[in-house]
C-alpha atoms as a PDB file:
ATOM      1  CA  MET A   1     116.379 212.127 265.653  1.00  0.00           C
ATOM      2  CA  PRO A   2     112.863 212.573 267.058  1.00  0.00           C
ATOM      3  CA  ASP A   3     112.631 210.462 270.199  1.00  0.00           C
ATOM      4  CA  ARG A   4     109.523 208.672 268.936  1.00  0.00           C
ATOM      5  CA  LEU A   5     111.196 207.330 265.803  1.00  0.00           C
ATOM      6  CA  SER A   6     113.105 204.026 265.927  1.00  0.00           C
ATOM      7  CA  SER A   7     116.289 203.041 264.154  1.00  0.00           C
ATOM      8  CA  PRO A   8     115.733 201.399 260.742  1.00  0.00           C
ATOM      9  CA  TYR A   9     115.046 197.685 260.426  1.00  0.00           C
ATOM     10  CA  ASP A  10     114.133 195.422 257.570  1.00  0.00           C
ATOM     11  CA  LEU A  11     110.600 194.429 258.535  1.00  0.00           C
ATOM     12  CA  LEU A  12     109.266 191.196 257.048  1.00  0.00           C
ATOM     13  CA  LEU A  13     105.584 190.298 257.113  1.00  0.00           C
ATOM     14  CA  CYS A  14     104.264 186.764 257.406  1.00  0.00           C
ATOM     15  CA  ARG A  15     101.129 184.911 258.384  1.00  0.00           C
ATOM     16  CA  PRO A  16     100.293 185.638 262.047  1.00  0.00           C
ATOM     17  CA  GLY A  17     101.263 182.511 263.963  1.00  0.00           C
ATOM     18  CA  ALA A  18     104.065 181.574 261.544  1.00  0.00           C
ATOM     19  CA  GLU A  19     106.678 183.725 263.329  1.00  0.00           C
ATOM     20  CA  PRO A  20     108.615 180.773 264.869  1.00  0.00           C
ATOM     21  CA  GLU A  21     108.964 179.017 261.503  1.00  0.00           C
ATOM     22  CA  PHE A  22     109.923 182.285 259.823  1.00  0.00           C
ATOM     23  CA  LEU A  23     112.586 183.113 262.424  1.00  0.00           C
ATOM     24  CA  GLU A  24     114.017 179.620 262.051  1.00  0.00           C
ATOM     25  CA  GLU A  25     114.101 180.009 258.268  1.00  0.00           C
ATOM     26  CA  CYS A  26     115.908 183.349 258.555  1.00  0.00           C
ATOM     27  CA  ASP A  27     118.476 181.898 260.945  1.00  0.00           C
ATOM     28  CA  THR A  28     118.993 178.404 259.494  1.00  0.00           C
ATOM     29  CA  LEU A  29     118.913 179.175 255.769  1.00  0.00           C
ATOM     30  CA  HIS A  30     120.222 182.746 255.670  1.00  0.00           C
ATOM     31  CA  GLY A  31     122.147 183.383 258.899  1.00  0.00           C
ATOM     32  CA  LEU A  32     119.866 186.260 259.855  1.00  0.00           C
ATOM     33  CA  ARG A  33     118.993 186.685 263.518  1.00  0.00           C
ATOM     34  CA  GLY A  34     115.679 188.448 263.910  1.00  0.00           C
ATOM     35  CA  ARG A  35     112.970 188.946 266.468  1.00  0.00           C
ATOM     36  CA  THR A  36     109.221 189.243 266.494  1.00  0.00           C
ATOM     37  CA  ALA A  37     107.852 192.785 266.293  1.00  0.00           C
ATOM     38  CA  GLY A  38     104.199 191.762 266.579  1.00  0.00           C
ATOM     39  CA  PRO A  39     101.760 189.270 265.055  1.00  0.00           C
ATOM     40  CA  GLY A  40     102.982 188.525 261.536  1.00  0.00           C
ATOM     41  CA  MET A  41     106.003 190.862 261.791  1.00  0.00           C
ATOM     42  CA  ILE A  42     109.713 189.993 261.965  1.00  0.00           C
ATOM     43  CA  MET A  43     112.488 192.571 262.517  1.00  0.00           C
ATOM     44  CA  LEU A  44     115.916 191.984 260.955  1.00  0.00           C
ATOM     45  CA  PRO A  45     119.111 194.070 260.882  1.00  0.00           C
ATOM     46  CA  PRO A  46     118.907 196.364 257.841  1.00  0.00           C
ATOM     47  CA  GLY A  47     120.644 195.777 254.541  1.00  0.00           C
ATOM     48  CA  LYS A  48     121.163 192.017 254.735  1.00  0.00           C
ATOM     49  CA  LEU A  49     118.041 190.658 253.059  1.00  0.00           C
ATOM     50  CA  PRO A  50     118.559 188.062 250.317  1.00  0.00           C
ATOM     51  CA  ALA A  51     117.261 189.162 246.946  1.00  0.00           C
ATOM     52  CA  ALA A  52     114.926 186.172 246.636  1.00  0.00           C
ATOM     53  CA  SER A  53     111.774 186.043 248.727  1.00  0.00           C
ATOM     54  CA  LEU A  54     111.729 183.725 251.718  1.00  0.00           C
ATOM     55  CA  ILE A  55     109.308 180.832 252.141  1.00  0.00           C
ATOM     56  CA  PHE A  56     107.212 182.404 254.894  1.00  0.00           C
ATOM     57  CA  GLU A  57     107.595 185.976 253.638  1.00  0.00           C
ATOM     58  CA  ARG A  58     104.495 187.820 252.466  1.00  0.00           C
ATOM     59  CA  GLN A  59     106.007 191.250 252.023  1.00  0.00           C
ATOM     60  CA  ARG A  60     109.173 193.130 252.950  1.00  0.00           C
ATOM     61  CA  MET A  61     109.505 196.678 254.224  1.00  0.00           C
ATOM     62  CA  PRO A  62     113.195 197.581 253.773  1.00  0.00           C
ATOM     63  CA  GLY A  63     114.633 200.196 256.122  1.00  0.00           C
ATOM     64  CA  ALA A  64     111.363 200.475 258.030  1.00  0.00           C
ATOM     65  CA  ARG A  65     111.182 202.762 261.067  1.00  0.00           C
ATOM     66  CA  LEU A  66     108.609 202.606 263.838  1.00  0.00           C
ATOM     67  CA  LEU A  67     106.956 205.850 264.835  1.00  0.00           C
ATOM     68  CA  THR A  68     105.435 205.521 268.301  1.00  0.00           C
ATOM     69  CA  LEU A  69     101.908 206.805 267.817  1.00  0.00           C
ATOM     70  CA  PRO A  70      99.497 206.496 270.744  1.00  0.00           C
ATOM     71  CA  GLU A  71      95.845 206.071 269.835  1.00  0.00           C
ATOM     72  CA  GLY A  72      94.333 209.401 268.850  1.00  0.00           C
ATOM     73  CA  ALA A  73      97.717 211.138 268.622  1.00  0.00           C
ATOM     74  CA  ASN A  74      98.833 213.126 265.610  1.00  0.00           C
ATOM     75  CA  ILE A  75     102.052 212.482 263.717  1.00  0.00           C
ATOM     76  CA  PRO A  76     104.765 214.762 265.161  1.00  0.00           C
ATOM     77  CA  PRO A  77     105.912 217.140 262.410  1.00  0.00           C
ATOM     78  CA  ALA A  78     109.578 216.591 263.293  1.00  0.00           C
ATOM     79  CA  ALA A  79     109.229 212.824 262.903  1.00  0.00           C
ATOM     80  CA  ALA A  80     107.387 213.157 259.583  1.00  0.00           C
ATOM     81  CA  GLU A  81     110.040 215.579 258.338  1.00  0.00           C
ATOM     82  CA  ALA A  82     112.805 213.157 259.320  1.00  0.00           C
ATOM     83  CA  LEU A  83     111.105 210.383 257.355  1.00  0.00           C
ATOM     84  CA  TRP A  84     110.248 212.375 254.247  1.00  0.00           C
ATOM     85  CA  SER A  85     113.614 214.157 254.021  1.00  0.00           C
ATOM     86  CA  SER A  86     115.471 210.843 253.776  1.00  0.00           C
ATOM     87  CA  TRP A  87     113.506 209.818 250.654  1.00  0.00           C
ATOM     88  CA  THR A  88     112.982 213.017 248.720  1.00  0.00           C
ATOM     89  CA  ALA A  89     116.451 214.197 247.791  1.00  0.00           C
ATOM     90  CA  GLU A  90     115.175 214.357 244.224  1.00  0.00           C
ATOM     91  CA  PRO A  91     111.640 214.056 242.818  1.00  0.00           C
ATOM     92  CA  MET A  92     110.557 210.625 241.620  1.00  0.00           C
ATOM     93  CA  PRO A  93     107.260 208.817 241.023  1.00  0.00           C
ATOM     94  CA  TRP A  94     105.849 207.330 244.208  1.00  0.00           C
ATOM     95  CA  GLY A  95     102.860 205.317 245.355  1.00  0.00           C
ATOM     96  CA  MET A  96     101.570 204.126 248.704  1.00  0.00           C
ATOM     97  CA  HIS A  97     100.539 200.821 250.263  1.00  0.00           C
ATOM     98  CA  LEU A  98      98.468 200.986 253.445  1.00  0.00           C
ATOM     99  CA  ILE A  99      98.555 197.963 255.770  1.00  0.00           C
ATOM    100  CA  ALA A 100      96.680 197.436 259.023  1.00  0.00           C
ATOM    101  CA  ALA A 101      97.991 194.816 261.439  1.00  0.00           C
ATOM    102  CA  GLU A 102      95.985 191.766 260.481  1.00  0.00           C
ATOM    103  CA  GLU A 103      95.012 190.630 263.970  1.00  0.00           C
ATOM    104  CA  GLU A 104      93.205 193.916 264.619  1.00  0.00           C
ATOM    105  CA  SER A 105      92.451 195.180 261.138  1.00  0.00           C
ATOM    106  CA  GLY A 106      88.905 196.423 261.865  1.00  0.00           C
ATOM    107  CA  GLY A 107      89.523 199.625 263.812  1.00  0.00           C
ATOM    108  CA  LEU A 108      93.071 200.091 262.599  1.00  0.00           C
ATOM    109  CA  SER A 109      92.005 200.118 258.943  1.00  0.00           C
ATOM    110  CA  ARG A 110      89.708 203.076 259.548  1.00  0.00           C
ATOM    111  CA  ARG A 111      92.333 204.991 261.479  1.00  0.00           C
ATOM    112  CA  LEU A 112      95.024 204.236 258.919  1.00  0.00           C
ATOM    113  CA  GLN A 113      93.259 206.236 256.210  1.00  0.00           C
ATOM    114  CA  GLY A 114      93.444 209.384 258.338  1.00  0.00           C
ATOM    115  CA  VAL A 115      97.043 208.720 259.368  1.00  0.00           C
ATOM    116  CA  ALA A 116      98.032 208.379 255.696  1.00  0.00           C
ATOM    117  CA  ARG A 117      96.378 211.681 254.776  1.00  0.00           C
ATOM    118  CA  GLU A 118      98.173 213.390 257.647  1.00  0.00           C
ATOM    119  CA  PHE A 119     101.492 211.855 256.636  1.00  0.00           C
ATOM    120  CA  ILE A 120     101.115 213.099 253.060  1.00  0.00           C
ATOM    121  CA  ARG A 121     100.209 216.606 254.287  1.00  0.00           C
ATOM    122  CA  HIS A 122     103.493 216.737 256.193  1.00  0.00           C
ATOM    123  CA  GLY A 123     105.302 215.616 253.052  1.00  0.00           C
ATOM    124  CA  GLU A 124     103.676 218.337 250.945  1.00  0.00           C
ATOM    125  CA  ALA A 125     104.796 220.976 253.432  1.00  0.00           C
ATOM    126  CA  LEU A 126     108.356 219.744 253.096  1.00  0.00           C
ATOM    127  CA  VAL A 127     108.364 218.995 249.343  1.00  0.00           C
ATOM    128  CA  PRO A 128     106.157 221.352 247.321  1.00  0.00           C
ATOM    129  CA  GLY A 129     104.546 219.590 244.364  1.00  0.00           C
ATOM    130  CA  LEU A 130     104.885 216.192 246.019  1.00  0.00           C
ATOM    131  CA  ARG A 131     101.421 215.064 244.888  1.00  0.00           C
ATOM    132  CA  LYS A 132     102.334 215.691 241.243  1.00  0.00           C
ATOM    133  CA  TRP A 133     104.654 212.717 241.429  1.00  0.00           C
ATOM    134  CA  GLU A 134     102.101 210.372 242.986  1.00  0.00           C
ATOM    135  CA  ARG A 135     101.209 207.357 240.834  1.00  0.00           C
ATOM    136  CA  LYS A 136      99.088 204.248 241.232  1.00  0.00           C
ATOM    137  CA  PRO A 137     101.314 201.725 243.019  1.00  0.00           C
ATOM    138  CA  GLU A 138     100.225 198.856 240.763  1.00  0.00           C
ATOM    139  CA  LYS A 139     101.682 200.687 237.741  1.00  0.00           C
ATOM    140  CA  LEU A 140     104.976 201.393 239.519  1.00  0.00           C
ATOM    141  CA  LEU A 141     105.208 197.760 240.614  1.00  0.00           C
ATOM    142  CA  ARG A 142     104.342 196.447 237.160  1.00  0.00           C
ATOM    143  CA  ASP A 143     107.036 198.609 235.558  1.00  0.00           C
ATOM    144  CA  ALA A 144     109.481 198.201 238.499  1.00  0.00           C
ATOM    145  CA  LYS A 145     109.931 201.972 238.643  1.00  0.00           C
ATOM    146  CA  GLY A 146     109.643 204.632 241.308  1.00  0.00           C
ATOM    147  CA  MET A 147     109.295 204.403 245.082  1.00  0.00           C
ATOM    148  CA  ILE A 148     106.663 202.608 247.143  1.00  0.00           C
ATOM    149  CA  LEU A 149     105.828 204.011 250.572  1.00  0.00           C
ATOM    150  CA  GLN A 150     104.442 201.386 252.929  1.00  0.00           C
ATOM    151  CA  LEU A 151     102.563 202.440 256.058  1.00  0.00           C
ATOM    152  CA  LEU A 152     101.732 199.681 258.530  1.00  0.00           C
ATOM    153  CA  LEU A 153      99.637 200.631 261.546  1.00  0.00           C
ATOM    154  CA  CYS A 154      99.750 198.360 264.605  1.00  0.00           C
ATOM    155  CA  ARG A 155      99.284 198.679 268.358  1.00  0.00           C
ATOM    156  CA  GLU A 156     102.882 199.839 268.814  1.00  0.00           C
ATOM    157  CA  GLY A 157     102.579 202.650 266.295  1.00  0.00           C
ATOM    158  CA  LEU A 158     103.213 203.311 262.611  1.00  0.00           C
ATOM    159  CA  TRP A 159     105.862 201.435 260.664  1.00  0.00           C
ATOM    160  CA  VAL A 160     106.991 203.439 257.625  1.00  0.00           C
ATOM    161  CA  SER A 161     109.164 202.182 254.774  1.00  0.00           C
ATOM    162  CA  ALA A 162     110.182 203.607 251.418  1.00  0.00           C
ATOM    163  CA  ALA A 163     111.818 201.321 248.878  1.00  0.00           C
ATOM    164  CA  PRO A 164     112.161 200.980 245.094  1.00  0.00           C
ATOM    165  CA  ALA A 165     109.188 199.193 243.596  1.00  0.00           C
ATOM    166  CA  ALA A 166     111.447 196.371 242.388  1.00  0.00           C
ATOM    167  CA  ALA A 167     112.529 195.616 245.979  1.00  0.00           C
ATOM    168  CA  LEU A 168     109.103 194.534 247.203  1.00  0.00           C
ATOM    169  CA  THR A 169     108.115 190.884 247.566  1.00  0.00           C
ATOM    170  CA  ALA A 170     104.548 191.211 246.307  1.00  0.00           C
ATOM    171  CA  PRO A 171     102.566 193.752 244.260  1.00  0.00           C
ATOM    172  CA  VAL A 172      99.710 193.936 246.786  1.00  0.00           C
ATOM    173  CA  PRO A 173      99.665 195.679 250.200  1.00  0.00           C
ATOM    174  CA  GLY A 174     101.167 193.474 252.860  1.00  0.00           C
ATOM    175  CA  GLY A 175     101.460 190.609 250.374  1.00  0.00           C
ATOM    176  CA  ARG A 176      97.833 189.761 251.080  1.00  0.00           C
ATOM    177  CA  PHE A 177      96.505 188.226 247.874  1.00  0.00           C
ATOM    178  CA  ARG A 178      92.811 188.330 248.740  1.00  0.00           C
ATOM    179  CA  MET A 179      91.248 186.324 245.939  1.00  0.00           C
ATOM    180  CA  LYS A 180      87.550 186.542 245.136  1.00  0.00           C
ATOM    181  CA  MET A 181      85.469 183.474 245.894  1.00  0.00           C
ATOM    182  CA  ASP A 182      83.478 182.026 243.001  1.00  0.00           C
ATOM    183  CA  PRO A 183      79.995 181.034 244.257  1.00  0.00           C
ATOM    184  CA  GLU A 184      80.110 177.949 241.978  1.00  0.00           C
ATOM    185  CA  ALA A 185      83.333 176.664 243.559  1.00  0.00           C
ATOM    186  CA  PRO A 186      82.705 173.680 245.855  1.00  0.00           C
ATOM    187  CA  SER A 187      85.271 174.628 248.516  1.00  0.00           C
ATOM    188  CA  ARG A 188      87.428 177.499 249.715  1.00  0.00           C
ATOM    189  CA  SER A 189      90.548 175.640 248.573  1.00  0.00           C
ATOM    190  CA  TYR A 190      89.633 177.219 245.225  1.00  0.00           C
ATOM    191  CA  LEU A 191      91.135 180.459 246.595  1.00  0.00           C
ATOM    192  CA  LYS A 192      94.532 178.811 247.091  1.00  0.00           C
ATOM    193  CA  MET A 193      94.619 177.756 243.464  1.00  0.00           C
ATOM    194  CA  GLU A 194      93.572 181.193 242.210  1.00  0.00           C
ATOM    195  CA  GLU A 195      96.353 182.784 244.251  1.00  0.00           C
ATOM    196  CA  ALA A 196      98.925 180.229 243.097  1.00  0.00           C
ATOM    197  CA  LEU A 197      98.071 180.942 239.456  1.00  0.00           C
ATOM    198  CA  VAL A 198      98.473 184.685 240.020  1.00  0.00           C
ATOM    199  CA  ARG A 199     101.850 184.174 241.673  1.00  0.00           C
ATOM    200  CA  LEU A 200     102.980 181.779 238.956  1.00  0.00           C
ATOM    201  CA  GLY A 201     101.930 184.332 236.357  1.00  0.00           C
ATOM    202  CA  ILE A 202     100.615 181.739 233.909  1.00  0.00           C
ATOM    203  CA  GLU A 203      96.941 181.457 233.011  1.00  0.00           C
ATOM    204  CA  PRO A 204      95.771 177.924 232.109  1.00  0.00           C
ATOM    205  CA  ALA A 205      94.710 177.735 228.473  1.00  0.00           C
ATOM    206  CA  GLU A 206      91.571 176.150 227.069  1.00  0.00           C
ATOM    207  CA  ASP A 207      91.914 172.420 226.322  1.00  0.00           C
ATOM    208  CA  GLU A 208      95.070 172.013 228.390  1.00  0.00           C
ATOM    209  CA  ARG A 209      95.279 168.715 230.276  1.00  0.00           C
ATOM    210  CA  VAL A 210      95.289 168.739 234.057  1.00  0.00           C
ATOM    211  CA  ILE A 211      95.658 166.021 236.686  1.00  0.00           C
ATOM    212  CA  ASP A 212      94.343 166.961 240.136  1.00  0.00           C
ATOM    213  CA  LEU A 213      95.511 164.628 242.915  1.00  0.00           C
ATOM    214  CA  GLY A 214      93.293 164.483 245.995  1.00  0.00           C
ATOM    215  CA  ALA A 215      90.684 166.478 244.109  1.00  0.00           C
ATOM    216  CA  ALA A 216      87.570 166.107 246.321  1.00  0.00           C
ATOM    217  CA  PRO A 217      85.402 168.073 246.754  1.00  0.00           C
ATOM    218  CA  GLY A 218      86.753 169.798 243.646  1.00  0.00           C
ATOM    219  CA  GLY A 219      87.925 173.341 244.398  1.00  0.00           C
ATOM    220  CA  TRP A 220      91.133 173.030 242.375  1.00  0.00           C
ATOM    221  CA  THR A 221      89.462 170.956 239.667  1.00  0.00           C
ATOM    222  CA  TYR A 222      86.824 173.657 239.277  1.00  0.00           C
ATOM    223  CA  ALA A 223      89.452 176.401 238.881  1.00  0.00           C
ATOM    224  CA  PHE A 224      90.769 174.634 235.762  1.00  0.00           C
ATOM    225  CA  ALA A 225      87.465 173.336 234.399  1.00  0.00           C
ATOM    226  CA  LYS A 226      85.967 176.833 234.407  1.00  0.00           C
ATOM    227  CA  ARG A 227      88.847 177.908 232.155  1.00  0.00           C
ATOM    228  CA  GLY A 228      88.056 175.177 229.645  1.00  0.00           C
ATOM    229  CA  CYS A 229      90.766 172.709 230.658  1.00  0.00           C
ATOM    230  CA  PHE A 230      90.270 168.949 230.629  1.00  0.00           C
ATOM    231  CA  VAL A 231      90.779 167.715 234.200  1.00  0.00           C
ATOM    232  CA  THR A 232      91.415 164.215 235.482  1.00  0.00           C
ATOM    233  CA  ALA A 233      90.298 164.435 239.111  1.00  0.00           C
ATOM    234  CA  VAL A 234      91.862 161.655 241.197  1.00  0.00           C
ATOM    235  CA  ASP A 235      90.197 160.962 244.550  1.00  0.00           C
ATOM    236  CA  ASN A 236      88.143 158.237 246.202  1.00  0.00           C
ATOM    237  CA  GLY A 237      85.891 160.922 247.667  1.00  0.00           C
ATOM    238  CA  PRO A 238      82.937 162.580 245.888  1.00  0.00           C
ATOM    239  CA  LEU A 239      83.170 165.748 243.794  1.00  0.00           C
ATOM    240  CA  LYS A 240      80.674 168.567 244.174  1.00  0.00           C
ATOM    241  CA  LEU A 241      80.848 170.267 240.801  1.00  0.00           C
ATOM    242  CA  SER A 242      78.294 172.140 238.754  1.00  0.00           C
ATOM    243  CA  THR A 243      76.925 170.470 235.621  1.00  0.00           C
ATOM    244  CA  ALA A 244      78.888 172.806 233.358  1.00  0.00           C
ATOM    245  CA  ALA A 245      82.182 172.003 235.106  1.00  0.00           C
ATOM    246  CA  VAL A 246      81.563 168.239 235.112  1.00  0.00           C
ATOM    247  CA  ARG A 247      81.589 168.172 231.310  1.00  0.00           C
ATOM    248  CA  ARG A 248      85.318 168.909 231.414  1.00  0.00           C
ATOM    249  CA  VAL A 249      86.135 166.494 234.242  1.00  0.00           C
ATOM    250  CA  GLU A 250      86.969 162.795 234.390  1.00  0.00           C
ATOM    251  CA  HIS A 251      86.689 161.511 237.957  1.00  0.00           C
ATOM    252  CA  LEU A 252      88.927 158.534 238.776  1.00  0.00           C
ATOM    253  CA  HIS A 253      88.155 156.849 242.103  1.00  0.00           C
ATOM    254  CA  ARG A 254      91.802 156.243 242.905  1.00  0.00           C
ATOM    255  CA  ASP A 255      94.340 157.202 245.568  1.00  0.00           C
ATOM    256  CA  GLY A 256      96.116 160.362 244.424  1.00  0.00           C
ATOM    257  CA  LEU A 257      99.208 159.425 246.393  1.00  0.00           C
ATOM    258  CA  THR A 258      99.863 156.299 244.338  1.00  0.00           C
ATOM    259  CA  PHE A 259      98.381 157.406 241.000  1.00  0.00           C
ATOM    260  CA  LYS A 260     100.755 156.961 238.046  1.00  0.00           C
ATOM    261  CA  VAL A 261     100.537 157.549 234.298  1.00  0.00           C
ATOM    262  CA  PRO A 262     101.781 155.331 231.447  1.00  0.00           C
ATOM    263  CA  HIS A 263     105.392 156.231 230.600  1.00  0.00           C
ATOM    264  CA  HIS A 264     104.692 156.520 226.869  1.00  0.00           C
ATOM    265  CA  LEU A 265     102.249 159.431 227.339  1.00  0.00           C
ATOM    266  CA  PRO A 266     103.524 162.997 226.846  1.00  0.00           C
ATOM    267  CA  PRO A 267     103.813 165.234 229.924  1.00  0.00           C
ATOM    268  CA  VAL A 268     100.498 166.558 231.214  1.00  0.00           C
ATOM    269  CA  ASP A 269     100.179 170.363 231.053  1.00  0.00           C
ATOM    270  CA  TRP A 270      99.430 170.725 234.764  1.00  0.00           C
ATOM    271  CA  LEU A 271      99.891 168.486 237.791  1.00  0.00           C
ATOM    272  CA  VAL A 272      98.183 169.888 240.892  1.00  0.00           C
ATOM    273  CA  GLY A 273      97.561 168.357 244.274  1.00  0.00           C
ATOM    274  CA  ASP A 274      96.249 169.275 247.712  1.00  0.00           C
ATOM    275  CA  MET A 275      96.395 166.089 249.779  1.00  0.00           C
ATOM    276  CA  LEU A 276      96.405 165.639 253.542  1.00  0.00           C
ATOM    277  CA  ILE A 277      99.721 163.763 253.648  1.00  0.00           C
ATOM    278  CA  PRO A 278     103.009 164.349 255.510  1.00  0.00           C
ATOM    279  CA  PRO A 279     105.883 166.181 253.763  1.00  0.00           C
ATOM    280  CA  GLY A 280     107.813 162.958 253.174  1.00  0.00           C
ATOM    281  CA  LYS A 281     104.989 161.495 251.090  1.00  0.00           C
ATOM    282  CA  ALA A 282     104.538 164.816 249.271  1.00  0.00           C
ATOM    283  CA  PHE A 283     108.258 164.602 248.455  1.00  0.00           C
ATOM    284  CA  GLY A 284     107.597 161.234 246.821  1.00  0.00           C
ATOM    285  CA  VAL A 285     104.878 162.811 244.678  1.00  0.00           C
ATOM    286  CA  LEU A 286     107.331 165.516 243.586  1.00  0.00           C
ATOM    287  CA  LYS A 287     110.016 162.977 242.741  1.00  0.00           C
ATOM    288  CA  TYR A 288     107.645 161.008 240.526  1.00  0.00           C
ATOM    289  CA  TRP A 289     105.979 163.889 238.652  1.00  0.00           C
ATOM    290  CA  VAL A 290     108.934 166.297 238.466  1.00  0.00           C
ATOM    291  CA  GLY A 291     111.803 163.806 238.505  1.00  0.00           C
ATOM    292  CA  GLY A 292     110.008 161.628 235.947  1.00  0.00           C
ATOM    293  CA  ARG A 293     109.150 164.713 233.842  1.00  0.00           C
ATOM    294  CA  HIS A 294     105.498 163.731 233.664  1.00  0.00           C
ATOM    295  CA  CYS A 295     104.196 167.324 233.799  1.00  0.00           C
ATOM    296  CA  ARG A 296     105.029 170.739 232.394  1.00  0.00           C
ATOM    297  CA  ARG A 297     103.821 172.789 235.356  1.00  0.00           C
ATOM    298  CA  LEU A 298     103.150 171.856 238.941  1.00  0.00           C
ATOM    299  CA  ILE A 299     101.268 173.292 241.914  1.00  0.00           C
ATOM    300  CA  LEU A 300     101.506 171.094 245.010  1.00  0.00           C
ATOM    301  CA  ASN A 301     100.404 171.878 248.547  1.00  0.00           C
ATOM    302  CA  ILE A 302     102.570 170.538 251.395  1.00  0.00           C
ATOM    303  CA  LYS A 303     101.136 170.250 254.900  1.00  0.00           C
ATOM    304  CA  LEU A 304     103.514 171.233 257.707  1.00  0.00           C
ATOM    305  CA  PRO A 305     103.942 169.089 260.818  1.00  0.00           C
ATOM    306  CA  GLN A 306     103.380 170.643 264.232  1.00  0.00           C
ATOM    307  CA  GLU A 307     106.943 169.842 265.282  1.00  0.00           C
ATOM    308  CA  GLN A 308     110.022 170.933 263.297  1.00  0.00           C
ATOM    309  CA  PRO A 309     108.288 172.111 260.110  1.00  0.00           C
ATOM    310  CA  LEU A 310     111.415 173.603 258.522  1.00  0.00           C
ATOM    311  CA  PRO A 311     113.552 170.430 258.834  1.00  0.00           C
ATOM    312  CA  ALA A 312     110.686 168.556 257.178  1.00  0.00           C
ATOM    313  CA  LEU A 313     110.919 170.937 254.203  1.00  0.00           C
ATOM    314  CA  LEU A 314     114.703 171.013 253.822  1.00  0.00           C
ATOM    315  CA  PRO A 315     115.035 167.824 251.727  1.00  0.00           C
ATOM    316  CA  ILE A 316     112.367 169.129 249.342  1.00  0.00           C
ATOM    317  CA  LEU A 317     114.069 172.519 249.041  1.00  0.00           C
ATOM    318  CA  GLU A 318     117.438 170.936 248.314  1.00  0.00           C
ATOM    319  CA  TRP A 319     116.082 168.480 245.747  1.00  0.00           C
ATOM    320  CA  ILE A 320     113.875 170.877 243.809  1.00  0.00           C
ATOM    321  CA  ARG A 321     116.468 173.645 243.520  1.00  0.00           C
ATOM    322  CA  SER A 322     117.947 172.298 240.263  1.00  0.00           C
ATOM    323  CA  ARG A 323     114.774 170.835 238.768  1.00  0.00           C
ATOM    324  CA  GLY A 324     113.302 173.945 237.124  1.00  0.00           C
ATOM    325  CA  ALA A 325     111.817 177.348 237.907  1.00  0.00           C
ATOM    326  CA  PHE A 326     110.111 176.501 241.196  1.00  0.00           C
ATOM    327  CA  GLU A 327     109.159 178.467 244.280  1.00  0.00           C
ATOM    328  CA  VAL A 328     108.127 177.257 247.727  1.00  0.00           C
ATOM    329  CA  ARG A 329     105.966 179.816 249.473  1.00  0.00           C
ATOM    330  CA  GLN A 330     103.339 180.082 252.158  1.00  0.00           C
ATOM    331  CA  LEU A 331     100.459 181.670 250.278  1.00  0.00           C
ATOM    332  CA  TYR A 332      98.064 184.137 251.828  1.00  0.00           C
ATOM    333  CA  HIS A 333      95.267 181.550 251.564  1.00  0.00           C
ATOM    334  CA  ASP A 334      97.457 178.750 252.949  1.00  0.00           C
ATOM    335  CA  ARG A 335      97.058 177.721 256.567  1.00  0.00           C
ATOM    336  CA  ARG A 336      99.661 175.450 258.205  1.00  0.00           C
ATOM    337  CA  GLU A 337     101.074 174.523 254.829  1.00  0.00           C
ATOM    338  CA  VAL A 338     103.207 175.793 251.971  1.00  0.00           C
ATOM    339  CA  THR A 339     102.802 175.547 248.215  1.00  0.00           C
ATOM    340  CA  VAL A 340     105.333 174.451 245.614  1.00  0.00           C
ATOM    341  CA  TYR A 341     104.692 175.934 242.179  1.00  0.00           C
ATOM    342  CA  GLY A 342     106.621 176.355 238.967  1.00  0.00           C
ATOM    343  CA  SER A 343     107.512 175.037 235.533  1.00  0.00           C
ATOM    344  CA  LEU A 344     109.816 172.207 234.533  1.00  0.00           C
ATOM    345  CA  THR A 345     112.733 172.578 232.175  1.00  0.00           C
ATOM    346  CA  LEU A 346     111.793 170.011 229.522  1.00  0.00           C
END
């Protein structure tokens, strides 16, 4: 083995700064002992990853190997050959995701483009006709076919992983769902809702009914109103919505934490909420809306405490497991928080 190429690890990517919570999740919930490989990177022994994505996981790089690559250095041909030869026993469609370490993405992003071209050149020398099998990664991921090569450049070198498209956590490089800001949206929390809808894979339909708890200043309300939904925005604070969006919005000056609906009404199409409350109170909101079957779909943000964030989440995880098709994930646009999203079994 080339002396600059590490043994394989399963490399998991998370939000930089969330490494302690992620390591605790791996250990407590899955019995996996890992260690930090850098900002937003966790190394685990290979071949033991659970099939389902973890809460703090953005993306996974199965069987990743670190190639020590000093700044300005070229990829050693022997190391590139060792990597390519382990994946190309037979031709198959392949695509590539390029990821720069997030904490230093400026200069690394520029260098990564050249490193990728060099890496592919080495592959072509080893496997003639390699480029004929190259496909757009989004198509491979959509169809769950072929192989995805992931190249992550960081200070320590180049992490390289090749895995079936179906094995990846997210269809975007590094699991970074960079949503586009709408200039009419009143706050950047709008981006969290746009990402949650993409991950849920369900687009709100015109005239659907939505209740937004803790709505002010209206980022989540706007995301639904712009799609033609009727939104009941519950918050004592003011909304900052455009005239067009307001036509679809009823603003109730009430406390979202204690807001209830008459029991005789049918379930609302969407219950969403982004309130600055501790996890225990957010759990109460879940119990009422999900346990009482007052909504068909739910997207709820849960703020994490500074101390012992995972123990604060465990009761929610246990309770919601049998309540429907729900996920609890730290979104790319989340900060010190996670988001619960999914559909109820009615």
